[in-house]
Amino acid sequence: MKEGEDYYINKDGNFVFTEAYHLKRGYCCKNKCLHCPWNFGKTEENNKSEKK
């Protein structure tokens, strides 16, 4: 894994996986990840506000 490409460390010190990492892995883990390319756990309303 490569920092900045596959993950970054947020202000709380947690690893956050990027969309690119999730796509490389190839499946959804169903943990409602912040950058989930499959939008698991996100409502239609949330998706609309993110696209603005």
PDB file of N, CA and C in Angstrom:
ATOM      1  N   MET A   1       0.852  -1.184   0.000  1.00  0.00           N
ATOM      2  CA  MET A   1       0.000   0.000   0.000  1.00  0.00           C
ATOM      3  C   MET A   1       0.890   1.237   0.000  1.00  0.00           C
ATOM      4  N   LYS A   2       0.387   2.263  -0.670  1.00  0.00           N
ATOM      5  CA  LYS A   2       1.168   3.476  -0.833  1.00  0.00           C
ATOM      6  C   LYS A   2       0.394   4.664  -0.252  1.00  0.00           C
ATOM      7  N   GLU A   3       1.026   5.368   0.700  1.00  0.00           N
ATOM      8  CA  GLU A   3       0.376   6.529   1.310  1.00  0.00           C
ATOM      9  C   GLU A   3       0.120   7.595   0.246  1.00  0.00           C
ATOM     10  N   GLY A   4      -1.064   8.196   0.299  1.00  0.00           N
ATOM     11  CA  GLY A   4      -1.446   9.211  -0.666  1.00  0.00           C
ATOM     12  C   GLY A   4      -2.166   8.647  -1.875  1.00  0.00           C
ATOM     13  N   GLU A   5      -1.892   7.396  -2.180  1.00  0.00           N
ATOM     14  CA  GLU A   5      -2.561   6.744  -3.306  1.00  0.00           C
ATOM     15  C   GLU A   5      -3.638   5.779  -2.808  1.00  0.00           C
ATOM     16  N   ASP A   6      -3.260   4.914  -1.874  1.00  0.00           N
ATOM     17  CA  ASP A   6      -4.186   3.913  -1.356  1.00  0.00           C
ATOM     18  C   ASP A   6      -4.845   4.347  -0.041  1.00  0.00           C
ATOM     19  N   TYR A   7      -4.207   5.215   0.685  1.00  0.00           N
ATOM     20  CA  TYR A   7      -4.743   5.676   1.963  1.00  0.00           C
ATOM     21  C   TYR A   7      -4.124   7.005   2.352  1.00  0.00           C
ATOM     22  N   TYR A   8      -4.730   7.651   3.320  1.00  0.00           N
ATOM     23  CA  TYR A   8      -4.141   8.825   3.957  1.00  0.00           C
ATOM     24  C   TYR A   8      -4.480   8.751   5.439  1.00  0.00           C
ATOM     25  N   ILE A   9      -3.793   9.529   6.236  1.00  0.00           N
ATOM     26  CA  ILE A   9      -4.032   9.541   7.671  1.00  0.00           C
ATOM     27  C   ILE A   9      -4.743  10.848   8.000  1.00  0.00           C
ATOM     28  N   ASN A  10      -5.938  10.730   8.595  1.00  0.00           N
ATOM     29  CA  ASN A  10      -6.729  11.928   8.881  1.00  0.00           C
ATOM     30  C   ASN A  10      -6.220  12.629  10.142  1.00  0.00           C
ATOM     31  N   LYS A  11      -6.860  13.734  10.495  1.00  0.00           N
ATOM     32  CA  LYS A  11      -6.395  14.558  11.627  1.00  0.00           C
ATOM     33  C   LYS A  11      -6.474  13.823  12.960  1.00  0.00           C
ATOM     34  N   ASP A  12      -7.292  12.762  13.036  1.00  0.00           N
ATOM     35  CA  ASP A  12      -7.408  11.976  14.259  1.00  0.00           C
ATOM     36  C   ASP A  12      -6.384  10.834  14.310  1.00  0.00           C
ATOM     37  N   GLY A  13      -5.578  10.706  13.262  1.00  0.00           N
ATOM     38  CA  GLY A  13      -4.566   9.660  13.210  1.00  0.00           C
ATOM     39  C   GLY A  13      -5.060   8.334  12.661  1.00  0.00           C
ATOM     40  N   ASN A  14      -6.243   8.341  12.065  1.00  0.00           N
ATOM     41  CA  ASN A  14      -6.815   7.113  11.503  1.00  0.00           C
ATOM     42  C   ASN A  14      -6.443   6.959  10.026  1.00  0.00           C
ATOM     43  N   PHE A  15      -6.248   5.714   9.600  1.00  0.00           N
ATOM     44  CA  PHE A  15      -6.018   5.424   8.192  1.00  0.00           C
ATOM     45  C   PHE A  15      -7.362   5.501   7.478  1.00  0.00           C
ATOM     46  N   VAL A  16      -7.401   6.198   6.345  1.00  0.00           N
ATOM     47  CA  VAL A  16      -8.619   6.304   5.539  1.00  0.00           C
ATOM     48  C   VAL A  16      -8.269   5.799   4.145  1.00  0.00           C
ATOM     49  N   PHE A  17      -8.934   4.726   3.736  1.00  0.00           N
ATOM     50  CA  PHE A  17      -8.667   4.164   2.419  1.00  0.00           C
ATOM     51  C   PHE A  17      -9.329   4.999   1.336  1.00  0.00           C
ATOM     52  N   THR A  18      -8.629   5.160   0.220  1.00  0.00           N
ATOM     53  CA  THR A  18      -9.126   5.953  -0.896  1.00  0.00           C
ATOM     54  C   THR A  18     -10.016   5.107  -1.801  1.00  0.00           C
ATOM     55  N   GLU A  19     -10.713   5.769  -2.694  1.00  0.00           N
ATOM     56  CA  GLU A  19     -11.545   5.066  -3.670  1.00  0.00           C
ATOM     57  C   GLU A  19     -10.676   4.150  -4.529  1.00  0.00           C
ATOM     58  N   ALA A  20      -9.487   4.618  -4.881  1.00  0.00           N
ATOM     59  CA  ALA A  20      -8.572   3.804  -5.691  1.00  0.00           C
ATOM     60  C   ALA A  20      -8.229   2.496  -4.989  1.00  0.00           C
ATOM     61  N   TYR A  21      -7.998   2.547  -3.687  1.00  0.00           N
ATOM     62  CA  TYR A  21      -7.690   1.327  -2.939  1.00  0.00           C
ATOM     63  C   TYR A  21      -8.865   0.356  -2.976  1.00  0.00           C
ATOM     64  N   HIS A  22     -10.066   0.882  -2.732  1.00  0.00           N
ATOM     65  CA  HIS A  22     -11.253   0.025  -2.740  1.00  0.00           C
ATOM     66  C   HIS A  22     -11.435  -0.648  -4.102  1.00  0.00           C
ATOM     67  N   LEU A  23     -11.211   0.104  -5.171  1.00  0.00           N
ATOM     68  CA  LEU A  23     -11.360  -0.465  -6.513  1.00  0.00           C
ATOM     69  C   LEU A  23     -10.304  -1.540  -6.782  1.00  0.00           C
ATOM     70  N   LYS A  24      -9.080  -1.332  -6.293  1.00  0.00           N
ATOM     71  CA  LYS A  24      -8.035  -2.348  -6.440  1.00  0.00           C
ATOM     72  C   LYS A  24      -8.416  -3.620  -5.688  1.00  0.00           C
ATOM     73  N   ARG A  25      -8.986  -3.450  -4.502  1.00  0.00           N
ATOM     74  CA  ARG A  25      -9.391  -4.601  -3.694  1.00  0.00           C
ATOM     75  C   ARG A  25     -10.500  -5.370  -4.404  1.00  0.00           C
ATOM     76  N   GLY A  26     -11.419  -4.633  -5.044  1.00  0.00           N
ATOM     77  CA  GLY A  26     -12.391  -5.272  -5.919  1.00  0.00           C
ATOM     78  C   GLY A  26     -13.729  -5.652  -5.322  1.00  0.00           C
ATOM     79  N   TYR A  27     -13.972  -5.357  -4.059  1.00  0.00           N
ATOM     80  CA  TYR A  27     -15.264  -5.680  -3.474  1.00  0.00           C
ATOM     81  C   TYR A  27     -15.578  -4.719  -2.324  1.00  0.00           C
ATOM     82  N   CYS A  28     -16.847  -4.671  -1.963  1.00  0.00           N
ATOM     83  CA  CYS A  28     -17.306  -3.809  -0.876  1.00  0.00           C
ATOM     84  C   CYS A  28     -17.261  -4.589   0.442  1.00  0.00           C
ATOM     85  N   CYS A  29     -16.691  -3.994   1.471  1.00  0.00           N
ATOM     86  CA  CYS A  29     -16.598  -4.648   2.780  1.00  0.00           C
ATOM     87  C   CYS A  29     -17.830  -4.359   3.651  1.00  0.00           C
ATOM     88  N   LYS A  30     -18.716  -3.481   3.164  1.00  0.00           N
ATOM     89  CA  LYS A  30     -19.972  -3.138   3.840  1.00  0.00           C
ATOM     90  C   LYS A  30     -19.762  -2.490   5.212  1.00  0.00           C
ATOM     91  N   ASN A  31     -18.689  -1.667   5.307  1.00  0.00           N
ATOM     92  CA  ASN A  31     -18.406  -0.936   6.541  1.00  0.00           C
ATOM     93  C   ASN A  31     -18.707   0.558   6.423  1.00  0.00           C
ATOM     94  N   LYS A  32     -19.398   0.947   5.352  1.00  0.00           N
ATOM     95  CA  LYS A  32     -19.768   2.342   5.111  1.00  0.00           C
ATOM     96  C   LYS A  32     -18.536   3.255   5.047  1.00  0.00           C
ATOM     97  N   CYS A  33     -17.549   2.833   4.298  1.00  0.00           N
ATOM     98  CA  CYS A  33     -16.304   3.587   4.163  1.00  0.00           C
ATOM     99  C   CYS A  33     -16.565   4.957   3.528  1.00  0.00           C
ATOM    100  N   LEU A  34     -15.784   5.925   3.942  1.00  0.00           N
ATOM    101  CA  LEU A  34     -15.938   7.303   3.468  1.00  0.00           C
ATOM    102  C   LEU A  34     -15.826   7.408   1.944  1.00  0.00           C
ATOM    103  N   HIS A  35     -14.896   6.691   1.350  1.00  0.00           N
ATOM    104  CA  HIS A  35     -14.654   6.790  -0.093  1.00  0.00           C
ATOM    105  C   HIS A  35     -15.123   5.552  -0.858  1.00  0.00           C
ATOM    106  N   CYS A  36     -16.197   4.931  -0.395  1.00  0.00           N
ATOM    107  CA  CYS A  36     -16.700   3.705  -1.021  1.00  0.00           C
ATOM    108  C   CYS A  36     -17.193   3.980  -2.448  1.00  0.00           C
ATOM    109  N   PRO A  37     -16.580   3.332  -3.448  1.00  0.00           N
ATOM    110  CA  PRO A  37     -17.032   3.544  -4.821  1.00  0.00           C
ATOM    111  C   PRO A  37     -18.378   2.890  -5.114  1.00  0.00           C
ATOM    112  N   TRP A  38     -18.845   2.011  -4.218  1.00  0.00           N
ATOM    113  CA  TRP A  38     -20.129   1.340  -4.385  1.00  0.00           C
ATOM    114  C   TRP A  38     -21.229   2.042  -3.598  1.00  0.00           C
ATOM    115  N   ASN A  39     -20.885   3.128  -2.906  1.00  0.00           N
ATOM    116  CA  ASN A  39     -21.844   3.940  -2.127  1.00  0.00           C
ATOM    117  C   ASN A  39     -22.633   3.133  -1.102  1.00  0.00           C
ATOM    118  N   PHE A  40     -22.014   2.115  -0.522  1.00  0.00           N
ATOM    119  CA  PHE A  40     -22.705   1.317   0.484  1.00  0.00           C
ATOM    120  C   PHE A  40     -23.033   2.186   1.697  1.00  0.00           C
ATOM    121  N   GLY A  41     -24.289   2.133   2.122  1.00  0.00           N
ATOM    122  CA  GLY A  41     -24.724   2.850   3.317  1.00  0.00           C
ATOM    123  C   GLY A  41     -25.033   4.317   3.107  1.00  0.00           C
ATOM    124  N   LYS A  42     -24.876   4.809   1.893  1.00  0.00           N
ATOM    125  CA  LYS A  42     -25.171   6.207   1.608  1.00  0.00           C
ATOM    126  C   LYS A  42     -26.561   6.307   1.005  1.00  0.00           C
ATOM    127  N   THR A  43     -27.336   7.252   1.502  1.00  0.00           N
ATOM    128  CA  THR A  43     -28.681   7.441   0.983  1.00  0.00           C
ATOM    129  C   THR A  43     -28.643   8.264  -0.294  1.00  0.00           C
ATOM    130  N   GLU A  44     -29.711   8.255  -1.030  1.00  0.00           N
ATOM    131  CA  GLU A  44     -29.810   9.043  -2.261  1.00  0.00           C
ATOM    132  C   GLU A  44     -29.631  10.526  -1.957  1.00  0.00           C
ATOM    133  N   GLU A  45     -30.141  10.977  -0.821  1.00  0.00           N
ATOM    134  CA  GLU A  45     -30.026  12.387  -0.419  1.00  0.00           C
ATOM    135  C   GLU A  45     -28.559  12.754  -0.195  1.00  0.00           C
ATOM    136  N   ASN A  46     -27.786  11.880   0.442  1.00  0.00           N
ATOM    137  CA  ASN A  46     -26.363  12.131   0.669  1.00  0.00           C
ATOM    138  C   ASN A  46     -25.615  12.219  -0.650  1.00  0.00           C
ATOM    139  N   ASN A  47     -25.955  11.353  -1.590  1.00  0.00           N
ATOM    140  CA  ASN A  47     -25.275  11.343  -2.893  1.00  0.00           C
ATOM    141  C   ASN A  47     -25.508  12.644  -3.638  1.00  0.00           C
ATOM    142  N   LYS A  48     -26.697  13.197  -3.562  1.00  0.00           N
ATOM    143  CA  LYS A  48     -27.009  14.449  -4.241  1.00  0.00           C
ATOM    144  C   LYS A  48     -26.187  15.594  -3.671  1.00  0.00           C
ATOM    145  N   SER A  49     -26.043  15.679  -2.347  1.00  0.00           N
ATOM    146  CA  SER A  49     -25.314  16.775  -1.726  1.00  0.00           C
ATOM    147  C   SER A  49     -23.824  16.687  -2.010  1.00  0.00           C
ATOM    148  N   GLU A  50     -23.275  15.468  -2.192  1.00  0.00           N
ATOM    149  CA  GLU A  50     -21.853  15.291  -2.490  1.00  0.00           C
ATOM    150  C   GLU A  50     -21.509  15.742  -3.908  1.00  0.00           C
ATOM    151  N   LYS A  51     -22.453  15.680  -4.834  1.00  0.00           N
ATOM    152  CA  LYS A  51     -22.190  16.023  -6.231  1.00  0.00           C
ATOM    153  C   LYS A  51     -22.215  17.505  -6.499  1.00  0.00           C
ATOM    154  N   LYS A  52     -22.645  18.315  -5.537  1.00  0.00           N
ATOM    155  CA  LYS A  52     -22.726  19.761  -5.745  1.00  0.00           C
ATOM    156  C   LYS A  52     -21.369  20.418  -5.732  1.00  0.00           C
TER     157      LYS A  52
END
